[in-house]
Structure formats: C-alpha cells, structure tokens
Amino acid sequence: MQSNARTTTKAGDALWYKDAILYQLHVKAFADSNNDGIGDFAGLTDRLDYVQELGVTTLWLQPFYPSPGRDDGYDIADYRRINPDFGTMRDFRRFITEAKRRGLQVIIELVVNHTSDQHSWFKRARRSKPHTDARNWYVWSDTDQRYLGTRIIFNDTEKSNWAWDPVAGAYYWHRFFSHQPDLNYDNPRVLWAMVQVMRRWLDMGVDGFRLDAIPYLCEREGTNNENLPETHAVIKKMRAALDASSPGRVLLAEANQSFPAIANGRCSCATTTSSRSKWSPTSSGIICGRPTLPTRARGSTSASAAGSRR
C-alpha cells in the first residue's frame, strides 16, 4: 500500500525548507513502545504530539535500515527495509501518516557513499569476476598504492583507505571504516540504483534526504578525492531525478569541506566548527549551488539544504 502523503508537502510550497525547524533524532533512542529497551517507530509515532508542541516543523531521522550496527546504523545492509528492531514497514507508514496529519515534514538519512560489507551488493561484487558489471559496483584495485594523495579520515583506527578482500583477491576502497566499502559512481548502474532507493522512500511520503558523506563519491588519481567536479555531476543527476518525479523534495548534504576546497564558486556554503574525529576544523554545507539551510549534521558537522528548482 502506497501512502498518499507524497502529495501533502506544504500544499505546493517548493521552498518550505527555507524556514524549517529541524529536529534530528535516532529512532532507536527516542521512544520505546514495547519495553524491549530499543526505541521504535511505534514509540516515535506516539510522541509526535510532544514533538509538535516543541515548535518543530521537520523531523530528520538518522539511519533506521537493517545494519550490523558497527557504525551506529551508518553501515547500511539494505536500503529498502526497516531494521526489525525498530518496527515494520507498516509502522513506518503509520508514522508518516501521523506526521503529515500534524503538518510535520520528514527527512531521512541516506548514506550514499558507502554500504556495509554485509550488503547484498558487496557480497555479489566480491564474488564476481574482475571488470564485470556486478564487480564494478565498488572500487577495486590490485594494489593499495593508488590515490596516495587522499587523507585517511579515521586515522586513529584505519591505516589505509584500501582493505584487502580475500574472497575477491583484490583491494577495495573505503573512505571510512574498512567494513564500509565505497560505492563506485563511475558505474551508472550504481547511481540508477540509488535513485530507485530514493523514489521508494519518496513514494512512502518522505520529504527529502540527508545525504551522508557526500564529498567522497568519486575518485581520480592525482587529487585529494574530495569535492571533485565528477562528484558534483553525480549530485546534480540525483537532484534532477528528484525534480523530475518529486518536486519540492529536499537534499540535505553533509559536506565536511574547508573553504579553500569550495572557493571556486560552485556552491553556496554555511560554516560551523566540526568535532568529528580527525576531520578538518572547519566544515561547510554544499550542494550544487542551491540555496543553503545551515543545520547540525552527524558529529556536529554542518549541512545545507537544497530544494527544487524555481
């Protein structure tokens, strides 16, 4: 059953995000409806009146997908389902319906840079032959000496951006933890699949996405592999896909880029201090030159929101 909430985004106000008041929450930590010690969608739905009384206009949900839980849910094993600890898809639809009834928008987290190594895409890739389409959903190499100009983000736990996979007999690229292989956006099927994931959740009534780790989508030798023109091209394609099917939806981007990296005029920026482990002391909200809406992202990094074209 498809929710009709998709048509209720502030009655055609394409700039609803401009004055939005966002409340970021983790479903698992917010309200527990069945006393199992884990928050769930039923508990969150029961507390929507409280959220509304705070003056909040938009809920921003951190990852609630099936996950091994090695990075607080940011290691996603299935983009299309609900973690059973948090409830069912029926619970999610009821939550969306009740949120819309109260005039609340809903943005959900989508980790587009990488998956868990337990995702079916990666399991298929590591068992596929080199240079096949299935293998090329991720970034592979016969050596760990490529892209040496790229910083290691979690250098307190990771010694390289490459990890050896004995099943594939090759190294795979990861900008974060080694159990989070990076997707290969040079393969158009990856972008197509991610757009299908977005459309699935839009069809269920969400009003947009917070895109995690967005500067790292593409890799090029001789660069620092952050905020590349090729990455901007991928984001623009995502934005165009949403504009074509779901106008008025928002992309909220985690950027984690210092001003020198974005001083070329491509993007509008909002700056704050970052406390994320080992990251740059400044970070900026970016997304393809669209208007920005500063918020606080995961780990107190900044973010920006972009609406549809006017």
Protein backbone atom coordinates (compact mmCIF):
# COMPACT_ATOMS: atom_id res chain seq x y z
CA MET A 1 0.00 0.00 0.00
CA GLN A 2 1.42 3.38 -1.01
CA SER A 3 0.92 6.37 1.25
CA ASN A 4 -0.76 9.43 -0.23
CA ALA A 5 1.46 11.62 1.95
CA ARG A 6 3.66 12.29 -1.07
CA THR A 7 1.23 14.98 -2.23
CA THR A 8 0.98 16.85 1.08
CA THR A 9 4.26 18.79 1.21
CA LYS A 10 3.04 22.20 2.36
CA ALA A 11 0.49 22.44 -0.42
CA GLY A 12 2.86 23.21 -3.25
CA ASP A 13 5.34 25.36 -1.29
CA ALA A 14 8.58 24.36 -3.01
CA LEU A 15 10.59 26.48 -0.56
CA TRP A 16 9.11 25.00 2.64
CA TYR A 17 12.60 24.13 3.86
CA LYS A 18 13.65 27.80 3.98
CA ASP A 19 12.12 28.40 7.42
CA ALA A 20 12.02 24.79 8.60
CA ILE A 21 12.85 23.97 12.22
CA LEU A 22 14.56 20.58 12.17
CA TYR A 23 14.59 18.03 14.99
CA GLN A 24 17.24 15.36 14.46
CA LEU A 25 16.63 12.05 16.21
CA HIS A 26 17.63 8.41 16.29
CA VAL A 27 14.54 6.19 16.27
CA LYS A 28 16.29 3.60 18.41
CA ALA A 29 16.96 6.13 21.17
CA PHE A 30 13.78 8.22 21.17
CA ALA A 31 10.76 6.25 22.46
CA ASP A 32 10.32 2.57 23.25
CA SER A 33 6.75 1.30 22.79
CA ASN A 34 7.22 -2.31 23.90
CA ASN A 35 9.76 -2.05 26.74
CA ASP A 36 12.45 -4.05 24.95
CA GLY A 37 14.99 -1.29 25.58
CA ILE A 38 15.08 -0.13 21.96
CA GLY A 39 13.24 2.85 20.52
CA ASP A 40 10.90 2.14 17.63
CA PHE A 41 8.57 3.77 15.11
CA ALA A 42 5.51 2.97 17.20
CA GLY A 43 7.03 4.83 20.14
CA LEU A 44 8.03 7.77 17.94
CA THR A 45 4.53 7.98 16.48
CA ASP A 46 3.02 8.04 19.97
CA ARG A 47 5.25 11.02 20.83
CA LEU A 48 4.53 13.18 17.77
CA ASP A 49 2.25 15.50 19.74
CA TYR A 50 5.19 16.24 22.03
CA VAL A 51 7.44 16.95 19.06
CA GLN A 52 4.82 19.23 17.55
CA GLU A 53 4.47 21.14 20.83
CA LEU A 54 8.18 21.96 20.67
CA GLY A 55 7.53 24.04 17.57
CA VAL A 56 9.36 21.62 15.30
CA THR A 57 8.32 21.60 11.63
CA THR A 58 10.60 18.87 10.24
CA LEU A 59 11.85 15.57 11.63
CA TRP A 60 15.26 14.34 10.50
CA LEU A 61 15.66 10.61 11.14
CA GLN A 62 19.09 9.03 11.42
CA PRO A 63 19.56 5.62 9.75
CA PHE A 64 16.87 3.08 10.58
CA TYR A 65 17.75 0.43 7.98
CA PRO A 66 18.98 -3.13 8.61
CA SER A 67 22.60 -2.88 9.71
CA PRO A 68 25.30 -4.85 11.52
CA GLY A 69 25.46 -1.82 13.82
CA ARG A 70 29.21 -1.32 13.67
CA ASP A 71 28.83 2.41 12.89
CA ASP A 72 25.58 3.28 14.65
CA GLY A 73 23.49 2.30 11.63
CA TYR A 74 25.55 4.23 9.07
CA ASP A 75 26.77 0.84 7.84
CA ILE A 76 23.65 0.00 5.86
CA ALA A 77 22.98 -3.60 4.81
CA ASP A 78 19.67 -2.94 3.00
CA TYR A 79 18.45 0.48 1.82
CA ARG A 80 14.90 -0.65 1.17
CA ARG A 81 13.77 -2.01 4.53
CA ILE A 82 13.33 -1.14 8.20
CA ASN A 83 15.59 -2.54 10.89
CA PRO A 84 13.24 -5.06 12.57
CA ASP A 85 14.40 -3.80 15.99
CA PHE A 86 12.66 -0.50 15.14
CA GLY A 87 9.41 -1.95 13.82
CA THR A 88 7.86 -2.84 10.48
CA MET A 89 7.16 -1.07 7.23
CA ARG A 90 3.55 -0.78 8.39
CA ASP A 91 4.79 1.06 11.49
CA PHE A 92 6.78 3.41 9.27
CA ARG A 93 3.77 4.15 7.05
CA ARG A 94 1.66 4.90 10.12
CA PHE A 95 4.39 7.23 11.40
CA ILE A 96 4.44 9.10 8.07
CA THR A 97 0.65 9.39 8.03
CA GLU A 98 0.51 10.75 11.58
CA ALA A 99 3.42 13.15 10.98
CA LYS A 100 1.69 14.57 7.89
CA ARG A 101 -1.60 14.87 9.79
CA ARG A 102 0.24 17.22 12.17
CA GLY A 103 1.85 19.18 9.36
CA LEU A 104 5.33 17.77 10.02
CA GLN A 105 7.82 17.16 7.22
CA VAL A 106 10.11 14.10 7.38
CA ILE A 107 13.69 13.89 6.12
CA ILE A 108 15.52 10.57 6.36
CA GLU A 109 19.22 9.80 6.38
CA LEU A 110 20.65 8.15 3.27
CA VAL A 111 24.28 7.03 3.24
CA VAL A 112 25.09 7.22 -0.46
CA ASN A 113 28.90 7.00 -0.37
CA HIS A 114 29.26 3.51 1.03
CA THR A 115 27.44 0.43 2.27
CA SER A 116 28.10 -2.19 4.90
CA ASP A 117 30.27 -5.07 3.77
CA GLN A 118 27.19 -7.15 4.61
CA HIS A 119 25.08 -5.50 1.90
CA SER A 120 23.98 -7.88 -0.86
CA TRP A 121 25.57 -5.58 -3.45
CA PHE A 122 29.00 -6.05 -1.89
CA LYS A 123 28.53 -9.78 -1.34
CA ARG A 124 27.72 -10.11 -5.04
CA ALA A 125 30.60 -7.84 -6.10
CA ARG A 126 33.31 -9.66 -4.18
CA ARG A 127 32.27 -12.99 -5.73
CA SER A 128 32.05 -11.65 -9.29
CA LYS A 129 34.82 -11.68 -11.83
CA PRO A 130 37.03 -8.59 -12.20
CA HIS A 131 35.77 -5.89 -14.58
CA THR A 132 32.24 -7.28 -14.69
CA ASP A 133 29.28 -5.01 -14.00
CA ALA A 134 28.48 -6.71 -10.70
CA ARG A 135 32.08 -6.35 -9.51
CA ASN A 136 32.23 -2.70 -10.54
CA TRP A 137 29.56 -1.55 -8.09
CA TYR A 138 32.53 -0.90 -5.79
CA VAL A 139 36.05 0.49 -6.28
CA TRP A 140 38.66 -2.26 -6.63
CA SER A 141 42.41 -2.36 -7.19
CA ASP A 142 45.22 -4.89 -7.45
CA THR A 143 47.39 -2.56 -5.37
CA ASP A 144 46.95 -0.36 -2.31
CA GLN A 145 49.20 2.34 -3.81
CA ARG A 146 46.52 4.20 -5.78
CA TYR A 147 45.14 7.59 -4.68
CA LEU A 148 48.00 8.19 -2.26
CA GLY A 149 47.12 11.88 -2.04
CA THR A 150 43.88 11.05 -0.20
CA ARG A 151 43.72 11.65 3.54
CA ILE A 152 42.66 8.90 5.92
CA ILE A 153 39.63 10.25 7.76
CA PHE A 154 39.61 7.86 10.71
CA ASN A 155 43.38 7.66 11.09
CA ASP A 156 43.05 6.59 14.71
CA THR A 157 41.56 3.25 13.57
CA GLU A 158 42.39 2.93 9.86
CA LYS A 159 45.90 2.80 8.39
CA SER A 160 44.85 2.87 4.74
CA ASN A 161 41.88 3.75 2.54
CA TRP A 162 42.28 0.30 0.96
CA ALA A 163 41.35 -3.04 2.51
CA TRP A 164 42.24 -6.48 1.19
CA ASP A 165 39.34 -8.80 0.44
CA PRO A 166 40.42 -12.47 0.29
CA VAL A 167 37.22 -13.50 -1.50
CA ALA A 168 37.73 -11.05 -4.35
CA GLY A 169 41.51 -11.35 -4.29
CA ALA A 170 41.74 -7.57 -4.55
CA TYR A 171 41.73 -4.37 -2.52
CA TYR A 172 38.56 -2.31 -2.14
CA TRP A 173 38.37 1.43 -1.44
CA HIS A 174 36.82 2.81 1.77
CA ARG A 175 36.96 6.42 2.97
CA PHE A 176 35.55 5.49 6.36
CA PHE A 177 35.82 2.21 8.24
CA SER A 178 37.15 -0.84 6.43
CA HIS A 179 33.79 -2.58 6.89
CA GLN A 180 32.18 0.20 4.78
CA PRO A 181 33.26 -0.22 1.14
CA ASP A 182 32.71 2.80 -1.12
CA LEU A 183 30.25 2.56 -3.97
CA ASN A 184 31.56 3.21 -7.49
CA TYR A 185 29.65 6.12 -9.03
CA ASP A 186 31.61 5.76 -12.26
CA ASN A 187 29.26 2.83 -12.82
CA PRO A 188 25.93 4.35 -13.95
CA ARG A 189 24.03 1.40 -12.52
CA VAL A 190 25.03 2.49 -9.01
CA LEU A 191 23.50 5.94 -9.47
CA TRP A 192 20.41 4.37 -11.03
CA ALA A 193 20.01 2.02 -8.06
CA MET A 194 20.41 4.85 -5.55
CA VAL A 195 17.79 6.95 -7.34
CA GLN A 196 15.42 3.97 -7.17
CA VAL A 197 16.03 3.79 -3.42
CA MET A 198 15.18 7.49 -3.13
CA ARG A 199 12.00 7.07 -5.14
CA ARG A 200 10.88 4.17 -2.95
CA TRP A 201 11.01 6.31 0.20
CA LEU A 202 9.56 9.35 -1.56
CA ASP A 203 6.63 7.20 -2.63
CA MET A 204 6.06 6.41 1.03
CA GLY A 205 5.84 10.08 1.87
CA VAL A 206 9.26 11.36 2.96
CA ASP A 207 10.09 14.95 2.06
CA GLY A 208 13.79 14.56 1.37
CA PHE A 209 17.10 13.07 2.37
CA ARG A 210 20.12 13.95 4.39
CA LEU A 211 22.96 12.63 2.20
CA ASP A 212 25.80 11.38 4.34
CA ALA A 213 29.48 11.75 3.31
CA ILE A 214 28.59 13.41 0.03
CA PRO A 215 32.00 14.89 -0.97
CA TYR A 216 33.60 11.48 -1.49
CA LEU A 217 31.54 9.88 -4.26
CA CYS A 218 34.21 9.85 -6.98
CA GLU A 219 37.92 9.13 -7.16
CA ARG A 220 40.57 10.50 -9.52
CA GLU A 221 44.32 9.92 -9.45
CA GLY A 222 46.38 12.99 -8.58
CA THR A 223 43.64 14.61 -6.48
CA ASN A 224 42.64 14.51 -2.81
CA ASN A 225 39.39 12.82 -3.92
CA GLU A 226 37.16 15.31 -2.13
CA ASN A 227 34.59 17.64 -3.68
CA LEU A 228 35.61 16.68 -7.22
CA PRO A 229 33.75 18.03 -10.27
CA GLU A 230 32.71 14.45 -11.01
CA THR A 231 31.08 14.24 -7.58
CA HIS A 232 29.14 17.45 -8.26
CA ALA A 233 27.96 15.94 -11.54
CA VAL A 234 26.59 12.89 -9.67
CA ILE A 235 24.76 15.08 -7.14
CA LYS A 236 23.24 17.16 -9.94
CA LYS A 237 21.90 13.97 -11.51
CA MET A 238 20.35 12.99 -8.18
CA ARG A 239 18.80 16.45 -7.89
CA ALA A 240 17.45 16.29 -11.45
CA ALA A 241 15.92 12.87 -10.80
CA LEU A 242 14.08 14.18 -7.74
CA ASP A 243 12.96 17.32 -9.59
CA ALA A 244 11.52 15.20 -12.40
CA SER A 245 9.44 12.91 -10.22
CA SER A 246 9.04 14.62 -6.84
CA PRO A 247 9.31 18.43 -6.95
CA GLY A 248 9.64 20.20 -3.63
CA ARG A 249 11.78 17.49 -2.03
CA VAL A 250 14.99 18.37 -0.21
CA LEU A 251 18.56 17.13 -0.31
CA LEU A 252 20.46 17.95 2.87
CA ALA A 253 24.18 17.42 2.35
CA GLU A 254 26.90 16.58 4.84
CA ALA A 255 29.87 18.35 3.32
CA ASN A 256 32.88 18.43 5.68
CA GLN A 257 34.89 20.65 3.38
CA SER A 258 37.01 23.69 4.22
CA PHE A 259 36.55 26.92 2.30
CA PRO A 260 39.66 26.50 0.08
CA ALA A 261 38.12 23.31 -1.29
CA ILE A 262 34.96 25.11 -2.39
CA ALA A 263 36.22 28.58 -3.25
CA ASN A 264 35.62 28.04 -6.95
CA GLY A 265 32.08 29.41 -6.89
CA ARG A 266 30.32 26.09 -7.49
CA CYS A 267 28.49 26.04 -4.18
CA SER A 268 26.70 28.11 -1.58
CA CYS A 269 28.17 27.47 1.85
CA ALA A 270 27.40 27.64 5.54
CA THR A 271 30.20 27.12 8.04
CA THR A 272 30.46 25.71 11.53
CA THR A 273 33.02 24.01 13.72
CA SER A 274 33.45 20.28 13.32
CA SER A 275 34.10 17.96 16.27
CA ARG A 276 34.17 14.77 14.20
CA SER A 277 37.21 12.67 14.95
CA LYS A 278 40.28 13.72 12.95
CA TRP A 279 38.28 15.82 10.48
CA SER A 280 39.08 19.34 9.30
CA PRO A 281 38.50 22.02 11.98
CA THR A 282 36.10 23.79 9.63
CA SER A 283 33.37 22.33 7.50
CA SER A 284 30.86 23.74 5.07
CA GLY A 285 27.44 22.93 3.74
CA ILE A 286 27.38 22.43 -0.02
CA ILE A 287 25.09 21.19 -2.70
CA CYS A 288 25.36 22.21 -6.30
CA GLY A 289 24.94 25.94 -5.95
CA ARG A 290 21.45 25.68 -4.47
CA PRO A 291 20.33 27.88 -1.54
CA THR A 292 21.60 26.64 1.82
CA LEU A 293 19.89 25.91 5.11
CA PRO A 294 22.51 25.52 7.87
CA THR A 295 21.83 22.72 10.36
CA ARG A 296 23.85 20.46 12.59
CA ALA A 297 24.85 17.19 10.98
CA ARG A 298 26.09 13.92 12.50
CA GLY A 299 29.01 14.57 14.82
CA SER A 300 28.29 18.34 14.89
CA THR A 301 29.40 18.77 11.30
CA SER A 302 27.43 21.22 9.18
CA ALA A 303 24.94 20.66 6.45
CA SER A 304 22.92 22.55 3.87
CA ALA A 305 19.53 22.00 2.32
CA ALA A 306 18.61 22.36 -1.32
CA GLY A 307 15.09 22.50 -2.66
CA SER A 308 13.81 22.01 -6.16
CA ARG A 309 14.41 24.50 -8.96
CA ARG A 310 12.28 27.59 -9.17
